[in-house]
Amino acid sequence: MAATAIPIDTLPSINPATGEVLAHFERTPASLLPEIVSRARVAQGAWAKLPIRDRCAKLRGLRERIMASRNELADAVVRESGKPRVEALFADIFVALDSVEYWSRNAAGALRTQRVPHHSIAAKAKRGYLAFEPLGVIAIISSWNYPLAIPLSQIIPAVAAGNAVVCKTSDFTPQCGALIEKLFIDAGFPGNLVTVVQGGGEVGQALIDASPDKVLFTGSVATGRRVAEACAKKLIPSVLELGGKDAMIVLADADLEVASSAAVWGSYTNCGQVCLSVERLFVEQSVAERFMALCVEKTKKLRLGPGSNPATDVGPLIRPQHVQRMSDLVHDAVSRGAKVLCGGNSRPDLGPNFFEPTVIAGVDSSMKLFQEETFGADPRHSSGEGCQGSDKPRQRFTVCACGEHLDKEQGSRNGAGGGNARRSSHGERRHQLFRHCGAPHGGCGASGWGRTHGEAGLLEMAQMKYIDVDRLPRREKPGGTVMARIWSTPRTLFSNLNFPAALARSCGTPAVP
């Protein structure tokens, strides 16, 4: 009798440009997560004992592996995310390379023990220090839109700080997830120090249930709430990088040619599937017509197609349900009075997930398009003398302002308040905030909490410990009786603004002028 093959629960790797299933990857059983986290704890214990400079030396080996594998990695990103190859190289591979280079050089200095000076008289015989220790096992639940840049830019500082990582990559990009784990194996990192698990929400839930020491999540607001609730039940600290509804403010004195190019690039890079995308444009009335004409002209020139085609400017959305969501949002806006200036249609003739780059005018806060993150290629425009309403959506990730005299937009910038701000007379590209490893990255409000990148992001991966050292351990502290007298007469201390004089009177000694 022929043996019957045992079916394995798998994840399909799908090319969003064609809908073709490229390969299948084994799904990690949720029941294995406690064991996986346990093995990571064992690996982390040995890894944390290494001096940080030795850990950073390992990172340099990882950089060499990423560089040597750059073409294979870029191919995988193009196949699974659909973005043009130049974007895969620039926004995924180069970001990963920059992250590993940056932290291999800077992690030791950022985590160096720091002296804490004492200003209190009662503590002058003490010496204080801040030390930074590894947290333990960090769980990373990552996204599909930058399937290498996002997880690697979080894993790298985590291991530099002495932690182990269990990373659940997106079930939309399983090949990229498998390649991440392979990079660390090939670079000679200890086994089980960096583990990639594959699966959907059930695997993410099981990972949190396995009690890691911290959770970093990148994804939607709705899923972020569920992650926050799951972490709160177990008192696990978290960093949440959620959706954005980011505004670009264009003042009348801005260079409109450059600012319009920045708006188009910021709206359509990665087909708009970026938490930092320009999703709302607020333009001063006097230049609104000219600015929108430039945006429409440049948008119409963008070439829509598969990421494997070198001529492509904008690739597909990730899945058919995202195309449907775009269509629904555009239809809702038009039904409420908005006007489509260009685009606005799906393109099934190109493939199952293509949607035209779209510019919509006359959008107001009553429309879903104004309130909800699109995660697709359509900026929308409102014009007026002020920017009231620019802060209505609760998602606040970044805000960008373009103008020669930026003090004029102080009020608008305060109102739009995001986690990151970019002001420029030339419309600089806002996504450089994410690509700069030294700059903290994160939002506020419904866009989440905590930071990745920069020193603030590195410190999310460490346990800060205050150490107090007694410099006179065998001596009677002269402040003992002094402080007893002070606390026994609090009125003297707190009613007198001259603290040294009050102290001297309590001690029965003359005050020093």
Protein backbone atom coordinates (compact mmCIF):
# COMPACT_ATOMS: atom_id res chain seq x y z
CA MET A 1 0.00 0.00 0.00
CA ALA A 2 1.37 3.40 -0.96
CA ALA A 3 2.15 5.75 1.88
CA THR A 4 -0.17 8.74 2.24
CA ALA A 5 1.59 12.08 2.46
CA ILE A 6 0.83 13.97 5.65
CA PRO A 7 -0.54 17.41 4.72
CA ILE A 8 1.46 20.29 6.12
CA ASP A 9 -0.26 23.54 7.00
CA THR A 10 1.41 26.04 4.68
CA LEU A 11 1.40 29.69 3.70
CA PRO A 12 1.32 30.60 0.00
CA SER A 13 3.82 33.08 -1.35
CA ILE A 14 1.77 35.09 -3.88
CA ASN A 15 2.95 37.55 -6.52
CA PRO A 16 0.50 40.47 -6.16
CA ALA A 17 1.13 41.61 -9.74
CA THR A 18 -0.19 38.33 -11.21
CA GLY A 19 -1.92 36.48 -8.38
CA GLU A 20 0.40 33.53 -9.06
CA VAL A 21 1.30 31.27 -6.13
CA LEU A 22 5.09 31.16 -6.19
CA ALA A 23 5.77 28.70 -3.37
CA HIS A 24 4.44 27.34 -0.09
CA PHE A 25 6.09 27.79 3.31
CA GLU A 26 5.37 25.76 6.40
CA ARG A 27 3.18 27.49 8.94
CA THR A 28 4.54 27.44 12.50
CA PRO A 29 2.10 25.56 14.77
CA ALA A 30 0.86 27.90 17.50
CA SER A 31 1.41 25.12 20.03
CA LEU A 32 5.19 25.32 19.47
CA LEU A 33 5.54 28.97 20.48
CA PRO A 34 6.20 28.33 24.22
CA GLU A 35 9.04 25.97 23.29
CA ILE A 36 10.44 28.39 20.72
CA VAL A 37 10.46 31.25 23.25
CA SER A 38 12.04 28.95 25.85
CA ARG A 39 14.88 28.04 23.47
CA ALA A 40 15.35 31.73 22.70
CA ARG A 41 15.78 32.42 26.44
CA VAL A 42 18.57 29.88 26.68
CA ALA A 43 20.34 31.40 23.66
CA GLN A 44 19.86 34.91 25.04
CA GLY A 45 21.48 34.05 28.36
CA ALA A 46 24.75 33.13 26.67
CA TRP A 47 24.54 35.98 24.14
CA ALA A 48 24.05 38.64 26.84
CA LYS A 49 27.31 37.58 28.51
CA LEU A 50 29.29 38.63 25.46
CA PRO A 51 30.77 42.13 25.64
CA ILE A 52 28.72 44.50 23.53
CA ARG A 53 31.67 45.16 21.23
CA ASP A 54 31.78 41.46 20.40
CA ARG A 55 28.07 41.54 19.63
CA CYS A 56 28.62 44.52 17.36
CA ALA A 57 31.42 42.65 15.57
CA LYS A 58 28.87 39.95 14.74
CA LEU A 59 26.65 42.62 13.22
CA ARG A 60 29.41 43.53 10.78
CA GLY A 61 29.36 39.93 9.59
CA LEU A 62 25.60 40.23 9.11
CA ARG A 63 26.16 43.32 6.98
CA GLU A 64 28.44 41.33 4.69
CA ARG A 65 25.77 38.63 4.31
CA ILE A 66 23.09 41.19 3.42
CA MET A 67 25.40 42.81 0.90
CA ALA A 68 26.32 39.50 -0.69
CA SER A 69 22.65 38.46 -0.88
CA ARG A 70 21.26 41.81 -2.04
CA ASN A 71 20.05 40.58 -5.43
CA GLU A 72 18.32 37.51 -3.99
CA LEU A 73 16.73 39.66 -1.28
CA ALA A 74 15.57 42.31 -3.76
CA ASP A 75 14.06 39.65 -6.01
CA ALA A 76 12.08 38.22 -3.09
CA VAL A 77 10.77 41.67 -2.10
CA VAL A 78 9.65 42.40 -5.67
CA ARG A 79 7.94 39.03 -6.03
CA GLU A 80 6.07 39.15 -2.72
CA SER A 81 5.32 42.86 -2.24
CA GLY A 82 5.03 43.94 -5.89
CA LYS A 83 7.09 47.11 -5.51
CA PRO A 84 9.50 48.15 -8.29
CA ARG A 85 12.98 46.73 -7.96
CA VAL A 86 14.57 50.14 -7.43
CA GLU A 87 12.27 50.65 -4.43
CA ALA A 88 13.10 47.18 -3.11
CA LEU A 89 16.80 48.05 -3.21
CA PHE A 90 16.48 51.58 -1.91
CA ALA A 91 13.74 51.16 0.72
CA ASP A 92 14.34 47.60 1.95
CA ILE A 93 17.91 46.44 1.25
CA PHE A 94 19.67 49.75 1.78
CA VAL A 95 17.70 50.47 4.97
CA ALA A 96 18.71 47.09 6.36
CA LEU A 97 22.35 47.70 5.40
CA ASP A 98 22.31 51.15 6.96
CA SER A 99 20.74 49.81 10.16
CA VAL A 100 23.34 47.11 10.68
CA GLU A 101 26.18 49.50 9.89
CA TYR A 102 24.81 52.20 12.18
CA TRP A 103 24.28 49.98 15.21
CA SER A 104 27.54 48.08 14.78
CA ARG A 105 29.24 51.47 15.24
CA ASN A 106 26.95 53.19 17.72
CA ALA A 107 25.26 50.62 19.98
CA ALA A 108 28.18 50.40 22.43
CA GLY A 109 28.26 54.13 22.98
CA ALA A 110 24.49 54.47 23.31
CA LEU A 111 24.35 51.70 25.94
CA ARG A 112 27.41 52.80 27.91
CA THR A 113 26.86 53.18 31.67
CA GLN A 114 26.18 56.83 32.48
CA ARG A 115 27.01 58.85 35.57
CA VAL A 116 24.03 60.49 37.31
CA PRO A 117 25.14 63.55 39.32
CA HIS A 118 23.41 64.12 42.67
CA HIS A 119 22.11 67.60 43.40
CA SER A 120 20.52 66.67 46.75
CA ILE A 121 22.50 67.47 49.89
CA ALA A 122 21.22 64.29 51.46
CA ALA A 123 22.82 62.23 48.69
CA LYS A 124 26.23 63.87 48.44
CA ALA A 125 27.87 60.76 49.89
CA LYS A 126 26.31 58.68 47.12
CA ARG A 127 27.27 58.15 43.51
CA GLY A 128 24.62 57.27 40.93
CA TYR A 129 24.80 55.45 37.61
CA LEU A 130 22.42 54.41 34.83
CA ALA A 131 23.14 50.99 33.39
CA PHE A 132 21.36 49.33 30.47
CA GLU A 133 20.73 45.61 30.51
CA PRO A 134 19.06 43.31 27.98
CA LEU A 135 15.34 42.73 28.38
CA GLY A 136 15.50 39.05 27.43
CA VAL A 137 13.33 37.77 24.58
CA ILE A 138 11.72 40.37 22.34
CA ALA A 139 8.74 39.43 20.18
CA ILE A 140 8.48 41.29 16.88
CA ILE A 141 5.25 41.09 14.88
CA SER A 142 6.00 42.73 11.58
CA SER A 143 4.31 43.98 8.43
CA TRP A 144 4.37 43.13 4.72
CA ASN A 145 4.84 46.57 3.15
CA TYR A 146 8.59 46.66 3.90
CA PRO A 147 9.17 42.95 4.52
CA LEU A 148 12.91 43.30 5.11
CA ALA A 149 13.47 46.89 6.25
CA ILE A 150 10.91 46.92 9.08
CA PRO A 151 11.76 43.62 10.81
CA LEU A 152 15.53 43.90 10.29
CA SER A 153 15.70 47.49 11.56
CA GLN A 154 14.09 46.21 14.78
CA ILE A 155 15.88 42.87 15.11
CA ILE A 156 19.34 44.41 14.65
CA PRO A 157 19.25 46.85 17.62
CA ALA A 158 17.51 44.20 19.71
CA VAL A 159 20.36 41.71 19.35
CA ALA A 160 22.96 44.48 19.68
CA ALA A 161 21.43 45.24 23.09
CA GLY A 162 21.87 41.60 24.12
CA ASN A 163 18.37 40.24 23.48
CA ALA A 164 17.04 37.24 21.61
CA VAL A 165 14.26 37.78 19.07
CA VAL A 166 11.29 35.73 17.95
CA CYS A 167 9.86 37.48 14.89
CA LYS A 168 6.54 36.74 13.25
CA THR A 169 6.81 38.12 9.74
CA SER A 170 3.73 38.78 7.65
CA ASP A 171 1.82 35.85 6.20
CA PHE A 172 1.76 37.85 2.92
CA THR A 173 5.58 37.68 2.63
CA PRO A 174 6.71 34.27 3.92
CA GLN A 175 9.73 34.00 1.63
CA CYS A 176 11.14 37.28 2.93
CA GLY A 177 10.64 35.99 6.48
CA ALA A 178 12.53 32.79 5.73
CA LEU A 179 15.39 34.78 4.20
CA ILE A 180 15.70 36.94 7.34
CA GLU A 181 16.32 33.91 9.54
CA LYS A 182 18.77 32.51 6.98
CA LEU A 183 20.79 35.75 7.06
CA PHE A 184 21.47 35.39 10.79
CA ILE A 185 22.31 31.70 10.46
CA ASP A 186 24.73 32.35 7.60
CA ALA A 187 26.33 35.23 9.54
CA GLY A 188 27.20 32.82 12.37
CA PHE A 189 24.81 34.04 15.07
CA PRO A 190 24.02 31.47 17.79
CA GLY A 191 21.18 29.07 17.10
CA ASN A 192 17.75 30.14 18.40
CA LEU A 193 18.94 33.70 19.00
CA VAL A 194 16.87 35.00 16.07
CA THR A 195 13.90 32.83 15.14
CA VAL A 196 11.32 33.63 12.46
CA VAL A 197 7.88 32.08 12.90
CA GLN A 198 5.36 31.96 10.06
CA GLY A 199 1.62 32.31 10.27
CA GLY A 200 -1.34 34.60 10.73
CA GLY A 201 -2.99 36.17 13.72
CA GLU A 202 -3.18 32.93 15.64
CA VAL A 203 0.62 32.66 15.65
CA GLY A 204 0.97 36.27 16.77
CA GLN A 205 -1.46 35.65 19.63
CA ALA A 206 0.42 32.49 20.63
CA LEU A 207 3.69 34.44 20.59
CA ILE A 208 2.29 36.98 23.07
CA ASP A 209 0.79 34.19 25.19
CA ALA A 210 4.30 32.67 25.44
CA SER A 211 5.27 35.69 27.62
CA PRO A 212 8.15 37.43 25.85
CA ASP A 213 9.71 40.34 27.69
CA LYS A 214 8.53 42.95 25.18
CA VAL A 215 6.41 43.08 22.03
CA LEU A 216 7.04 45.29 19.01
CA PHE A 217 4.10 45.41 16.61
CA THR A 218 3.77 47.04 13.19
CA GLY A 219 0.38 46.97 11.53
CA SER A 220 -3.14 48.36 11.49
CA VAL A 221 -4.83 50.30 14.25
CA ALA A 222 -7.47 47.60 14.70
CA THR A 223 -4.92 44.80 15.12
CA GLY A 224 -2.74 47.07 17.25
CA ARG A 225 -5.58 47.43 19.74
CA ARG A 226 -5.86 43.66 20.03
CA VAL A 227 -2.11 43.35 20.51
CA ALA A 228 -2.19 46.05 23.21
CA GLU A 229 -5.01 44.26 25.03
CA ALA A 230 -3.21 40.91 24.88
CA CYS A 231 -0.01 42.48 26.21
CA ALA A 232 -1.85 44.37 28.95
CA LYS A 233 -3.37 41.17 30.32
CA LYS A 234 0.14 39.82 30.93
CA LEU A 235 1.73 43.22 31.76
CA ILE A 236 4.09 42.91 28.80
CA PRO A 237 5.44 46.29 27.61
CA SER A 238 4.91 47.05 23.95
CA VAL A 239 5.83 49.36 21.11
CA LEU A 240 3.05 49.91 18.57
CA GLU A 241 3.74 51.34 15.12
CA LEU A 242 0.25 51.69 13.64
CA GLY A 243 -1.43 53.51 10.78
CA GLY A 244 -1.03 57.11 9.73
CA LYS A 245 -3.23 59.71 8.07
CA ASP A 246 -0.48 62.14 7.36
CA ALA A 247 -0.86 65.68 6.15
CA MET A 248 1.28 67.80 3.86
CA ILE A 249 0.81 71.54 4.24
CA VAL A 250 1.81 73.72 1.29
CA LEU A 251 2.18 77.46 1.87
CA ALA A 252 1.83 80.09 -0.80
CA ASP A 253 5.54 80.90 -0.84
CA ALA A 254 6.66 77.29 -1.38
CA ASP A 255 8.44 76.20 -4.54
CA LEU A 256 5.39 74.56 -6.11
CA GLU A 257 7.33 72.62 -8.71
CA VAL A 258 9.44 70.90 -6.09
CA ALA A 259 6.65 70.63 -3.51
CA SER A 260 4.32 68.95 -6.02
CA SER A 261 7.04 66.42 -6.89
CA ALA A 262 7.45 65.70 -3.18
CA ALA A 263 3.69 65.24 -2.80
CA VAL A 264 3.49 62.83 -5.73
CA TRP A 265 6.49 60.80 -4.56
CA GLY A 266 5.27 60.78 -0.96
CA SER A 267 1.82 59.60 -2.04
CA TYR A 268 2.69 56.84 -4.52
CA THR A 269 5.94 55.29 -3.35
CA ASN A 270 5.28 51.60 -2.61
CA CYS A 271 1.85 52.24 -4.22
CA GLY A 272 0.98 54.39 -1.22
CA GLN A 273 1.25 51.43 1.16
CA VAL A 274 3.34 53.31 3.72
CA CYS A 275 2.38 54.51 7.20
CA LEU A 276 4.15 57.80 6.40
CA SER A 277 2.41 58.34 3.04
CA VAL A 278 1.05 61.76 2.12
CA GLU A 279 -2.69 61.08 2.44
CA ARG A 280 -3.97 64.63 2.87
CA LEU A 281 -2.87 67.86 1.19
CA PHE A 282 -3.70 71.27 2.65
CA VAL A 283 -2.80 74.09 0.29
CA GLU A 284 -3.14 77.84 0.73
CA GLN A 285 -6.04 79.07 -1.43
CA SER A 286 -3.96 81.43 -3.54
CA VAL A 287 -1.79 78.64 -4.96
CA ALA A 288 -4.16 75.67 -4.67
CA GLU A 289 -5.23 75.56 -8.33
CA ARG A 290 -1.68 75.72 -9.66
CA PHE A 291 -0.39 73.18 -7.15
CA MET A 292 -3.13 70.65 -7.90
CA ALA A 293 -2.61 71.06 -11.63
CA LEU A 294 1.06 70.16 -11.17
CA CYS A 295 0.16 67.14 -9.03
CA VAL A 296 -2.33 65.88 -11.61
CA GLU A 297 0.11 66.42 -14.47
CA LYS A 298 2.86 64.46 -12.73
CA THR A 299 0.51 61.73 -11.49
CA LYS A 300 -0.73 61.05 -15.03
CA LYS A 301 2.85 60.40 -16.14
CA LEU A 302 3.38 57.57 -13.64
CA ARG A 303 3.66 54.14 -15.23
CA LEU A 304 1.59 51.44 -13.55
CA GLY A 305 2.86 47.87 -13.83
CA PRO A 306 4.62 44.90 -12.24
CA GLY A 307 7.64 45.60 -10.08
CA SER A 308 9.73 43.27 -12.25
CA ASN A 309 9.44 45.73 -15.16
CA PRO A 310 12.26 48.32 -14.97
CA ALA A 311 9.94 50.92 -16.52
CA THR A 312 7.36 50.65 -13.71
CA ASP A 313 6.87 53.61 -11.37
CA VAL A 314 3.94 52.28 -9.31
CA GLY A 315 3.31 48.61 -8.61
CA PRO A 316 0.19 46.75 -7.48
CA LEU A 317 -1.59 46.78 -4.17
CA ILE A 318 -0.90 43.72 -2.05
CA ARG A 319 -4.26 41.85 -2.29
CA PRO A 320 -7.68 42.12 -4.02
CA GLN A 321 -9.39 43.21 -0.79
CA HIS A 322 -7.15 46.29 -0.74
CA VAL A 323 -8.26 47.18 -4.27
CA GLN A 324 -11.88 46.86 -3.19
CA ARG A 325 -11.27 49.08 -0.18
CA MET A 326 -9.75 51.77 -2.42
CA SER A 327 -12.76 51.62 -4.74
CA ASP A 328 -15.17 51.89 -1.80
CA LEU A 329 -13.38 54.92 -0.32
CA VAL A 330 -13.30 56.74 -3.66
CA HIS A 331 -16.98 55.97 -4.28
CA ASP A 332 -17.96 57.24 -0.82
CA ALA A 333 -16.03 60.50 -1.36
CA VAL A 334 -17.53 61.12 -4.80
CA SER A 335 -21.03 60.43 -3.52
CA ARG A 336 -20.50 63.17 -0.92
CA GLY A 337 -19.25 65.77 -3.37
CA ALA A 338 -15.54 65.14 -3.92
CA LYS A 339 -14.13 65.28 -7.45
CA VAL A 340 -11.71 62.79 -9.01
CA LEU A 341 -9.08 64.78 -10.93
CA CYS A 342 -7.29 61.71 -12.29
CA GLY A 343 -7.27 57.96 -11.77
CA GLY A 344 -9.83 56.45 -9.42
CA ASN A 345 -10.26 53.08 -11.13
CA SER A 346 -9.03 49.53 -10.66
CA ARG A 347 -7.09 48.04 -13.57
CA PRO A 348 -7.93 44.35 -13.89
CA ASP A 349 -6.44 44.40 -17.39
CA LEU A 350 -3.00 44.68 -15.75
CA GLY A 351 -3.57 42.15 -12.98
CA PRO A 352 -5.79 41.42 -9.98
CA ASN A 353 -4.36 44.09 -7.65
CA PHE A 354 -3.76 47.22 -9.70
CA PHE A 355 -5.39 50.57 -8.93
CA GLU A 356 -4.68 53.80 -10.77
CA PRO A 357 -2.76 56.56 -8.96
CA THR A 358 -5.54 58.94 -8.00
CA VAL A 359 -5.91 62.61 -7.08
CA ILE A 360 -9.17 63.74 -5.47
CA ALA A 361 -10.18 67.32 -4.67
CA GLY A 362 -12.84 68.76 -2.42
CA VAL A 363 -12.53 66.16 0.32
CA ASP A 364 -13.92 67.16 3.70
CA SER A 365 -14.03 65.59 7.15
CA SER A 366 -17.43 63.97 6.56
CA MET A 367 -15.85 61.50 4.13
CA LYS A 368 -14.23 58.19 5.02
CA LEU A 369 -11.38 59.13 2.70
CA PHE A 370 -10.50 61.99 5.04
CA GLN A 371 -10.77 60.03 8.26
CA GLU A 372 -9.51 56.52 7.49
CA GLU A 373 -6.05 55.40 6.46
CA THR A 374 -6.10 54.44 2.79
CA PHE A 375 -2.83 52.56 2.43
CA GLY A 376 -3.10 53.08 -1.31
CA ALA A 377 -2.17 55.49 -4.07
CA ASP A 378 -4.51 58.46 -3.69
CA PRO A 379 -3.72 61.81 -2.07
CA ARG A 380 -6.63 64.12 -1.45
CA HIS A 381 -6.71 67.87 -1.39
CA SER A 382 -8.37 70.57 0.65
CA SER A 383 -7.60 74.23 0.22
CA GLY A 384 -8.20 77.25 2.40
CA GLU A 385 -6.64 80.17 4.19
CA GLY A 386 -6.05 78.04 7.26
CA CYS A 387 -5.66 74.37 8.01
CA GLN A 388 -8.44 73.87 10.51
CA GLY A 389 -9.43 70.23 10.58
CA SER A 390 -5.99 68.94 9.67
CA ASP A 391 -5.86 67.19 13.02
CA LYS A 392 -9.27 65.49 12.88
CA PRO A 393 -8.10 61.88 12.25
CA ARG A 394 -6.74 60.23 15.40
CA GLN A 395 -3.86 58.64 13.50
CA ARG A 396 -0.90 60.99 13.80
CA PHE A 397 2.40 59.80 12.44
CA THR A 398 4.05 62.61 10.50
CA VAL A 399 3.30 66.07 9.21
CA CYS A 400 5.18 67.85 6.43
CA ALA A 401 5.14 71.57 5.67
CA CYS A 402 6.57 73.33 2.61
CA GLY A 403 7.23 77.06 2.50
CA GLU A 404 9.96 79.68 2.55
CA HIS A 405 8.76 81.35 5.78
CA LEU A 406 7.79 78.44 7.93
CA ASP A 407 6.95 80.53 10.98
CA LYS A 408 3.65 81.25 9.20
CA GLU A 409 2.57 77.62 9.62
CA GLN A 410 3.39 77.40 13.32
CA GLY A 411 -0.28 77.15 14.25
CA SER A 412 -1.04 74.56 11.60
CA ARG A 413 1.95 72.48 12.61
CA ASN A 414 0.83 72.50 16.22
CA GLY A 415 -2.68 71.50 15.24
CA ALA A 416 -1.67 68.66 12.91
CA GLY A 417 0.72 67.25 15.51
CA GLY A 418 2.26 63.94 14.59
CA GLY A 419 5.00 61.82 16.06
CA ASN A 420 7.45 63.16 13.49
CA ALA A 421 7.61 66.55 11.78
CA ARG A 422 9.30 67.64 8.59
CA ARG A 423 9.54 71.28 7.59
CA SER A 424 11.09 72.24 4.30
CA SER A 425 11.16 75.08 1.82
CA HIS A 426 11.77 72.50 -0.88
CA GLY A 427 9.39 69.69 -0.04
CA GLU A 428 11.95 67.14 1.16
CA ARG A 429 10.90 63.50 1.03
CA ARG A 430 9.30 62.60 4.31
CA HIS A 431 10.19 58.91 4.20
CA GLN A 432 13.79 59.84 4.95
CA LEU A 433 12.55 59.98 8.55
CA PHE A 434 12.25 56.19 8.46
CA ARG A 435 15.43 55.59 6.46
CA HIS A 436 17.61 57.61 8.83
CA CYS A 437 18.66 55.13 11.51
CA GLY A 438 19.61 57.88 13.93
CA ALA A 439 16.15 59.48 13.89
CA PRO A 440 13.42 58.09 16.17
CA HIS A 441 10.40 56.70 14.33
CA GLY A 442 6.87 56.45 15.71
CA GLY A 443 3.52 58.12 16.09
CA CYS A 444 1.06 59.28 18.72
CA GLY A 445 -2.66 59.02 19.27
CA ALA A 446 -4.11 56.14 17.27
CA SER A 447 -0.79 55.79 15.44
CA GLY A 448 0.63 54.00 18.48
CA TRP A 449 3.28 54.55 21.11
CA GLY A 450 6.95 53.98 21.68
CA ARG A 451 9.75 54.46 19.19
CA THR A 452 11.93 52.44 16.88
CA HIS A 453 15.18 53.70 15.30
CA GLY A 454 17.58 56.12 16.88
CA GLU A 455 18.79 56.03 20.47
CA ALA A 456 15.18 56.20 21.67
CA GLY A 457 14.45 53.04 19.70
CA LEU A 458 17.52 51.26 21.02
CA LEU A 459 16.57 52.08 24.61
CA GLU A 460 13.20 50.39 23.98
CA MET A 461 15.27 47.19 23.74
CA ALA A 462 17.01 47.63 27.10
CA GLN A 463 16.14 47.62 30.79
CA MET A 464 17.30 50.85 32.39
CA LYS A 465 18.71 50.26 35.87
CA TYR A 466 19.69 52.94 38.36
CA ILE A 467 22.63 51.99 40.60
CA ASP A 468 23.38 53.93 43.75
CA VAL A 469 26.86 53.51 45.28
CA ASP A 470 27.64 54.54 48.85
CA ARG A 471 31.03 56.27 48.84
CA LEU A 472 31.26 56.22 52.67
CA PRO A 473 29.95 52.76 53.57
CA ARG A 474 31.64 52.45 56.99
CA ARG A 475 31.18 55.97 58.23
CA GLU A 476 28.33 57.56 60.11
CA LYS A 477 26.61 59.90 57.71
CA PRO A 478 26.86 63.50 58.92
CA GLY A 479 23.47 64.19 57.45
CA GLY A 480 21.70 61.68 59.67
CA THR A 481 21.05 63.92 62.67
CA VAL A 482 20.84 66.99 60.46
CA MET A 483 18.04 65.55 58.35
CA ALA A 484 16.23 64.27 61.45
CA ARG A 485 16.10 67.83 62.78
CA ILE A 486 14.93 69.16 59.40
CA TRP A 487 12.09 66.70 59.04
CA SER A 488 11.04 67.27 62.65
CA THR A 489 10.46 70.95 61.79
CA PRO A 490 8.99 70.88 58.27
CA ARG A 491 7.47 74.34 58.64
CA THR A 492 10.95 75.78 58.90
CA LEU A 493 12.05 74.03 55.75
CA PHE A 494 9.08 74.64 53.51
CA SER A 495 8.06 78.12 54.60
CA ASN A 496 11.52 79.53 54.05
CA LEU A 497 12.66 79.96 50.48
CA ASN A 498 16.30 80.09 51.56
CA PHE A 499 17.03 76.36 51.89
CA PRO A 500 20.71 76.70 53.07
CA ALA A 501 19.68 79.13 55.79
CA ALA A 502 16.85 76.87 56.93
CA LEU A 503 19.25 73.96 56.98
CA ALA A 504 21.78 75.92 59.04
CA ARG A 505 19.18 77.01 61.58
CA SER A 506 17.95 73.44 61.99
CA CYS A 507 21.52 72.33 62.66
CA GLY A 508 22.18 75.14 65.12
CA THR A 509 24.98 76.58 63.00
CA PRO A 510 25.31 80.01 61.43
CA ALA A 511 24.26 80.28 57.77
CA VAL A 512 26.87 81.04 55.13
CA PRO A 513 25.96 84.26 53.34
